[in-house]
Amino acid sequence: MHDEQQRQPDARTQQVLNRVRHIINKKNTQFILDHQHDSLAALSLYLRDCMEDIGHPPARVEVIGGDFLEYRFGSWQKALRSVYDGKAAEFLKNPPAFANRKIVRDLCAAAGVQL
C-alpha cells in the first residue's frame, strides 16, 4: 500500500505533463497562424523578449513557436544570432528536461500544480 501511495504522485505528475504538452502544441500551432506574415525583425523582437523572460539564450524547445522561428530564420542558431551575440552552445546542446523548462513550470503554476 505504501508503494501505491508513492506511485500516485508520479502518475498525476505524468498526467499534468501530458496535458501541458498538449497545451504547448496548441500554442505552437496558434503562433504559426498568428505570426506567419511577421517580418524577421518582428520575430527577432519576440525571441528577444522570450530570452529576457527565460533568463538565458533559449533552446528551440523552450520557446512557443520555436520550430517556426527556426524555419523562418533558416536555423535556430541564426534565429539566436539575431538577438544574442554571446555563447549559447550549452543551451543548444543541452536544453532543460521538459518538466524543468520555464514554459512548462509557468503553465503548471497557472493551473495551480507544482511539479
N, C-alpha and C. Protein backbone atom coordinates (compact mmCIF):
# COMPACT_ATOMS: atom_id res chain seq x y z
N MET A 1 0.82 -1.18 0.00
CA MET A 1 0.00 0.00 0.00
C MET A 1 0.87 1.25 0.00
N HIS A 2 1.96 1.20 0.74
CA HIS A 2 2.86 2.36 0.79
C HIS A 2 3.42 2.65 -0.60
N ASP A 3 3.80 1.59 -1.33
CA ASP A 3 4.32 1.78 -2.69
C ASP A 3 3.26 2.39 -3.60
N GLU A 4 2.01 1.98 -3.43
CA GLU A 4 0.93 2.52 -4.26
C GLU A 4 0.75 4.02 -4.01
N GLN A 5 0.87 4.45 -2.77
CA GLN A 5 0.75 5.87 -2.46
C GLN A 5 1.90 6.67 -3.07
N GLN A 6 3.08 6.08 -3.12
CA GLN A 6 4.22 6.78 -3.70
C GLN A 6 4.09 6.90 -5.21
N ARG A 7 3.42 5.94 -5.86
CA ARG A 7 3.27 5.97 -7.32
C ARG A 7 2.21 6.98 -7.76
N GLN A 8 1.22 7.27 -6.94
CA GLN A 8 0.15 8.17 -7.33
C GLN A 8 0.65 9.54 -7.75
N PRO A 9 1.54 10.19 -7.00
CA PRO A 9 2.03 11.50 -7.47
C PRO A 9 2.73 11.39 -8.82
N ASP A 10 3.45 10.30 -9.05
CA ASP A 10 4.12 10.14 -10.33
C ASP A 10 3.11 10.06 -11.48
N ALA A 11 2.05 9.31 -11.28
CA ALA A 11 1.02 9.19 -12.31
C ALA A 11 0.33 10.54 -12.52
N ARG A 12 0.06 11.25 -11.44
CA ARG A 12 -0.59 12.56 -11.55
C ARG A 12 0.35 13.55 -12.23
N THR A 13 1.60 13.53 -11.85
CA THR A 13 2.58 14.42 -12.48
C THR A 13 2.66 14.13 -13.96
N GLN A 14 2.69 12.87 -14.33
CA GLN A 14 2.74 12.49 -15.74
C GLN A 14 1.50 12.97 -16.48
N GLN A 15 0.36 12.86 -15.84
CA GLN A 15 -0.89 13.32 -16.45
C GLN A 15 -0.84 14.83 -16.68
N VAL A 16 -0.35 15.57 -15.69
CA VAL A 16 -0.23 17.02 -15.83
C VAL A 16 0.74 17.37 -16.95
N LEU A 17 1.87 16.69 -17.00
CA LEU A 17 2.87 16.97 -18.04
C LEU A 17 2.33 16.66 -19.43
N ASN A 18 1.54 15.60 -19.56
CA ASN A 18 0.93 15.28 -20.85
C ASN A 18 -0.05 16.37 -21.26
N ARG A 19 -0.80 16.88 -20.30
CA ARG A 19 -1.74 17.97 -20.60
C ARG A 19 -0.97 19.23 -21.01
N VAL A 20 0.12 19.51 -20.33
CA VAL A 20 0.95 20.68 -20.67
C VAL A 20 1.53 20.52 -22.07
N ARG A 21 1.97 19.32 -22.42
CA ARG A 21 2.47 19.08 -23.79
C ARG A 21 1.40 19.42 -24.83
N HIS A 22 0.19 19.01 -24.55
CA HIS A 22 -0.92 19.28 -25.46
C HIS A 22 -1.16 20.79 -25.58
N ILE A 23 -1.14 21.48 -24.47
CA ILE A 23 -1.32 22.94 -24.47
C ILE A 23 -0.21 23.62 -25.27
N ILE A 24 1.02 23.19 -25.07
CA ILE A 24 2.15 23.78 -25.79
C ILE A 24 2.01 23.51 -27.29
N ASN A 25 1.60 22.32 -27.67
CA ASN A 25 1.39 22.01 -29.09
C ASN A 25 0.35 22.94 -29.70
N LYS A 26 -0.74 23.17 -28.98
CA LYS A 26 -1.78 24.08 -29.47
C LYS A 26 -1.25 25.51 -29.58
N LYS A 27 -0.48 25.94 -28.59
CA LYS A 27 0.09 27.29 -28.62
C LYS A 27 1.07 27.44 -29.78
N ASN A 28 1.85 26.40 -30.06
CA ASN A 28 2.78 26.44 -31.19
C ASN A 28 2.02 26.59 -32.51
N THR A 29 0.95 25.84 -32.66
CA THR A 29 0.14 25.94 -33.88
C THR A 29 -0.47 27.33 -34.01
N GLN A 30 -1.00 27.85 -32.91
CA GLN A 30 -1.61 29.18 -32.95
C GLN A 30 -0.57 30.25 -33.24
N PHE A 31 0.64 30.07 -32.73
CA PHE A 31 1.72 31.03 -33.00
C PHE A 31 1.99 31.11 -34.51
N ILE A 32 2.06 29.96 -35.16
CA ILE A 32 2.30 29.93 -36.60
C ILE A 32 1.20 30.69 -37.34
N LEU A 33 -0.04 30.43 -36.97
CA LEU A 33 -1.16 31.10 -37.63
C LEU A 33 -1.12 32.61 -37.40
N ASP A 34 -0.78 33.01 -36.19
CA ASP A 34 -0.78 34.43 -35.83
C ASP A 34 0.40 35.20 -36.39
N HIS A 35 1.52 34.52 -36.63
CA HIS A 35 2.76 35.22 -36.99
C HIS A 35 3.34 34.82 -38.34
N GLN A 36 2.56 34.13 -39.16
CA GLN A 36 3.08 33.64 -40.43
C GLN A 36 3.53 34.74 -41.37
N HIS A 37 3.01 35.94 -41.20
CA HIS A 37 3.38 37.04 -42.10
C HIS A 37 4.31 38.06 -41.43
N ASP A 38 4.74 37.78 -40.21
CA ASP A 38 5.63 38.71 -39.50
C ASP A 38 6.99 38.78 -40.19
N SER A 39 7.61 39.94 -40.10
CA SER A 39 8.97 40.11 -40.62
C SER A 39 9.96 39.42 -39.69
N LEU A 40 11.16 39.19 -40.19
CA LEU A 40 12.21 38.62 -39.34
C LEU A 40 12.53 39.56 -38.19
N ALA A 41 12.44 40.86 -38.43
CA ALA A 41 12.69 41.84 -37.36
C ALA A 41 11.66 41.68 -36.24
N ALA A 42 10.40 41.51 -36.59
CA ALA A 42 9.36 41.32 -35.58
C ALA A 42 9.56 40.01 -34.83
N LEU A 43 9.94 38.96 -35.55
CA LEU A 43 10.19 37.68 -34.90
C LEU A 43 11.40 37.76 -33.98
N SER A 44 12.40 38.55 -34.37
CA SER A 44 13.58 38.75 -33.52
C SER A 44 13.20 39.44 -32.22
N LEU A 45 12.32 40.43 -32.30
CA LEU A 45 11.85 41.11 -31.08
C LEU A 45 11.14 40.13 -30.15
N TYR A 46 10.32 39.27 -30.72
CA TYR A 46 9.64 38.25 -29.93
C TYR A 46 10.65 37.32 -29.26
N LEU A 47 11.63 36.87 -30.02
CA LEU A 47 12.64 35.96 -29.48
C LEU A 47 13.45 36.65 -28.38
N ARG A 48 13.77 37.92 -28.58
CA ARG A 48 14.49 38.67 -27.55
C ARG A 48 13.67 38.74 -26.26
N ASP A 49 12.37 39.00 -26.38
CA ASP A 49 11.51 39.04 -25.21
C ASP A 49 11.47 37.68 -24.51
N CYS A 50 11.43 36.61 -25.29
CA CYS A 50 11.45 35.26 -24.71
C CYS A 50 12.75 35.03 -23.95
N MET A 51 13.87 35.43 -24.55
CA MET A 51 15.17 35.24 -23.93
C MET A 51 15.25 36.01 -22.61
N GLU A 52 14.74 37.23 -22.59
CA GLU A 52 14.74 38.02 -21.36
C GLU A 52 13.87 37.37 -20.30
N ASP A 53 12.72 36.82 -20.70
CA ASP A 53 11.82 36.17 -19.75
C ASP A 53 12.44 34.90 -19.18
N ILE A 54 13.10 34.12 -20.02
CA ILE A 54 13.70 32.86 -19.59
C ILE A 54 14.97 33.10 -18.78
N GLY A 55 15.73 34.12 -19.17
CA GLY A 55 16.94 34.46 -18.43
C GLY A 55 18.22 33.92 -19.05
N HIS A 56 18.11 33.31 -20.21
CA HIS A 56 19.29 32.81 -20.92
C HIS A 56 18.89 32.61 -22.38
N PRO A 57 19.87 32.42 -23.27
CA PRO A 57 19.53 32.13 -24.66
C PRO A 57 18.75 30.82 -24.73
N PRO A 58 17.54 30.86 -25.22
CA PRO A 58 16.70 29.66 -25.16
C PRO A 58 17.05 28.62 -26.21
N ALA A 59 16.83 27.38 -25.84
CA ALA A 59 16.83 26.31 -26.83
C ALA A 59 15.51 26.42 -27.58
N ARG A 60 15.45 25.88 -28.77
CA ARG A 60 14.24 25.96 -29.60
C ARG A 60 13.01 25.45 -28.86
N VAL A 61 13.18 24.42 -28.05
CA VAL A 61 12.04 23.80 -27.36
C VAL A 61 11.56 24.61 -26.16
N GLU A 62 12.29 25.67 -25.81
CA GLU A 62 11.89 26.49 -24.67
C GLU A 62 11.00 27.67 -25.06
N VAL A 63 10.73 27.81 -26.35
CA VAL A 63 10.01 28.98 -26.86
C VAL A 63 8.78 28.54 -27.63
N ILE A 64 7.64 29.14 -27.33
CA ILE A 64 6.47 28.91 -28.17
C ILE A 64 6.81 29.43 -29.56
N GLY A 65 6.59 28.60 -30.55
CA GLY A 65 6.90 28.97 -31.92
C GLY A 65 8.34 28.69 -32.31
N GLY A 66 9.07 27.96 -31.49
CA GLY A 66 10.48 27.69 -31.76
C GLY A 66 10.72 27.02 -33.11
N ASP A 67 9.91 26.04 -33.45
CA ASP A 67 10.06 25.37 -34.75
C ASP A 67 9.84 26.35 -35.90
N PHE A 68 8.83 27.20 -35.75
CA PHE A 68 8.52 28.19 -36.79
C PHE A 68 9.66 29.21 -36.92
N LEU A 69 10.19 29.66 -35.79
CA LEU A 69 11.31 30.61 -35.83
C LEU A 69 12.51 29.97 -36.53
N GLU A 70 12.79 28.72 -36.20
CA GLU A 70 13.89 28.01 -36.83
C GLU A 70 13.67 27.95 -38.35
N TYR A 71 12.47 27.65 -38.76
CA TYR A 71 12.14 27.58 -40.18
C TYR A 71 12.33 28.94 -40.86
N ARG A 72 11.79 29.99 -40.25
CA ARG A 72 11.84 31.31 -40.88
C ARG A 72 13.26 31.86 -40.97
N PHE A 73 14.09 31.60 -39.96
CA PHE A 73 15.46 32.11 -39.97
C PHE A 73 16.42 31.19 -40.71
N GLY A 74 16.01 29.97 -40.96
CA GLY A 74 16.88 29.02 -41.64
C GLY A 74 17.59 28.07 -40.70
N SER A 75 17.72 28.44 -39.45
CA SER A 75 18.27 27.58 -38.40
C SER A 75 18.01 28.25 -37.06
N TRP A 76 18.07 27.46 -36.01
CA TRP A 76 17.88 28.04 -34.68
C TRP A 76 19.06 28.95 -34.33
N GLN A 77 20.25 28.56 -34.74
CA GLN A 77 21.43 29.39 -34.46
C GLN A 77 21.30 30.76 -35.11
N LYS A 78 20.79 30.82 -36.33
CA LYS A 78 20.60 32.11 -37.00
C LYS A 78 19.53 32.93 -36.27
N ALA A 79 18.50 32.28 -35.80
CA ALA A 79 17.46 32.98 -35.04
C ALA A 79 18.07 33.59 -33.79
N LEU A 80 18.87 32.79 -33.06
CA LEU A 80 19.51 33.31 -31.84
C LEU A 80 20.48 34.43 -32.15
N ARG A 81 21.24 34.29 -33.23
CA ARG A 81 22.20 35.34 -33.59
C ARG A 81 21.52 36.67 -33.89
N SER A 82 20.25 36.63 -34.21
CA SER A 82 19.53 37.87 -34.49
C SER A 82 19.28 38.68 -33.21
N VAL A 83 19.44 38.03 -32.05
CA VAL A 83 19.17 38.73 -30.79
C VAL A 83 20.27 38.56 -29.74
N TYR A 84 21.25 37.71 -30.00
CA TYR A 84 22.25 37.38 -28.98
C TYR A 84 23.58 37.11 -29.66
N ASP A 85 24.64 37.75 -29.15
CA ASP A 85 25.95 37.55 -29.77
C ASP A 85 26.94 36.81 -28.87
N GLY A 86 26.47 36.32 -27.74
CA GLY A 86 27.33 35.55 -26.84
C GLY A 86 27.30 34.07 -27.17
N LYS A 87 27.88 33.28 -26.28
CA LYS A 87 27.89 31.83 -26.46
C LYS A 87 26.56 31.24 -25.99
N ALA A 88 25.99 30.43 -26.83
CA ALA A 88 24.73 29.78 -26.49
C ALA A 88 24.80 28.27 -26.67
N ALA A 89 25.98 27.77 -26.97
CA ALA A 89 26.14 26.35 -27.29
C ALA A 89 25.63 25.44 -26.18
N GLU A 90 25.86 25.81 -24.93
CA GLU A 90 25.43 24.96 -23.81
C GLU A 90 23.92 24.75 -23.83
N PHE A 91 23.18 25.81 -24.11
CA PHE A 91 21.72 25.71 -24.10
C PHE A 91 21.20 25.00 -25.35
N LEU A 92 21.95 25.10 -26.44
CA LEU A 92 21.52 24.44 -27.67
C LEU A 92 21.73 22.94 -27.59
N LYS A 93 22.85 22.53 -26.98
CA LYS A 93 23.18 21.10 -26.90
C LYS A 93 22.43 20.40 -25.78
N ASN A 94 22.17 21.12 -24.69
CA ASN A 94 21.56 20.50 -23.52
C ASN A 94 20.37 21.32 -23.03
N PRO A 95 19.26 21.31 -23.76
CA PRO A 95 18.10 22.05 -23.28
C PRO A 95 17.59 21.42 -21.99
N PRO A 96 16.93 22.20 -21.16
CA PRO A 96 16.39 21.63 -19.92
C PRO A 96 15.41 20.50 -20.22
N ALA A 97 15.33 19.55 -19.29
CA ALA A 97 14.33 18.49 -19.40
C ALA A 97 12.95 19.14 -19.46
N PHE A 98 11.99 18.46 -20.05
CA PHE A 98 10.67 19.04 -20.27
C PHE A 98 10.10 19.67 -19.00
N ALA A 99 10.09 18.93 -17.90
CA ALA A 99 9.49 19.43 -16.66
C ALA A 99 10.25 20.62 -16.07
N ASN A 100 11.50 20.82 -16.48
CA ASN A 100 12.31 21.92 -15.94
C ASN A 100 12.28 23.18 -16.80
N ARG A 101 11.59 23.13 -17.92
CA ARG A 101 11.53 24.31 -18.79
C ARG A 101 10.61 25.36 -18.17
N LYS A 102 10.99 26.60 -18.30
CA LYS A 102 10.21 27.69 -17.71
C LYS A 102 8.78 27.68 -18.23
N ILE A 103 8.60 27.46 -19.50
CA ILE A 103 7.26 27.46 -20.08
C ILE A 103 6.38 26.39 -19.44
N VAL A 104 6.94 25.24 -19.15
CA VAL A 104 6.20 24.16 -18.51
C VAL A 104 5.87 24.52 -17.07
N ARG A 105 6.87 25.02 -16.35
CA ARG A 105 6.63 25.43 -14.95
C ARG A 105 5.57 26.53 -14.88
N ASP A 106 5.62 27.49 -15.81
CA ASP A 106 4.64 28.58 -15.82
C ASP A 106 3.23 28.06 -16.08
N LEU A 107 3.08 27.14 -17.03
CA LEU A 107 1.76 26.58 -17.32
C LEU A 107 1.24 25.76 -16.14
N CYS A 108 2.11 25.02 -15.50
CA CYS A 108 1.71 24.25 -14.32
C CYS A 108 1.29 25.18 -13.19
N ALA A 109 2.06 26.23 -12.97
CA ALA A 109 1.73 27.20 -11.92
C ALA A 109 0.39 27.87 -12.20
N ALA A 110 0.13 28.19 -13.46
CA ALA A 110 -1.15 28.81 -13.83
C ALA A 110 -2.32 27.87 -13.55
N ALA A 111 -2.06 26.57 -13.62
CA ALA A 111 -3.09 25.58 -13.34
C ALA A 111 -3.13 25.20 -11.86
N GLY A 112 -2.26 25.81 -11.07
CA GLY A 112 -2.23 25.52 -9.64
C GLY A 112 -1.54 24.23 -9.28
N VAL A 113 -0.67 23.76 -10.16
CA VAL A 113 0.04 22.50 -9.94
C VAL A 113 1.52 22.79 -9.78
N GLN A 114 2.10 22.25 -8.72
CA GLN A 114 3.54 22.41 -8.51
C GLN A 114 4.22 21.09 -8.83
N LEU A 115 5.24 21.15 -9.67
CA LEU A 115 5.98 19.93 -10.03
C LEU A 115 7.04 19.62 -9.01
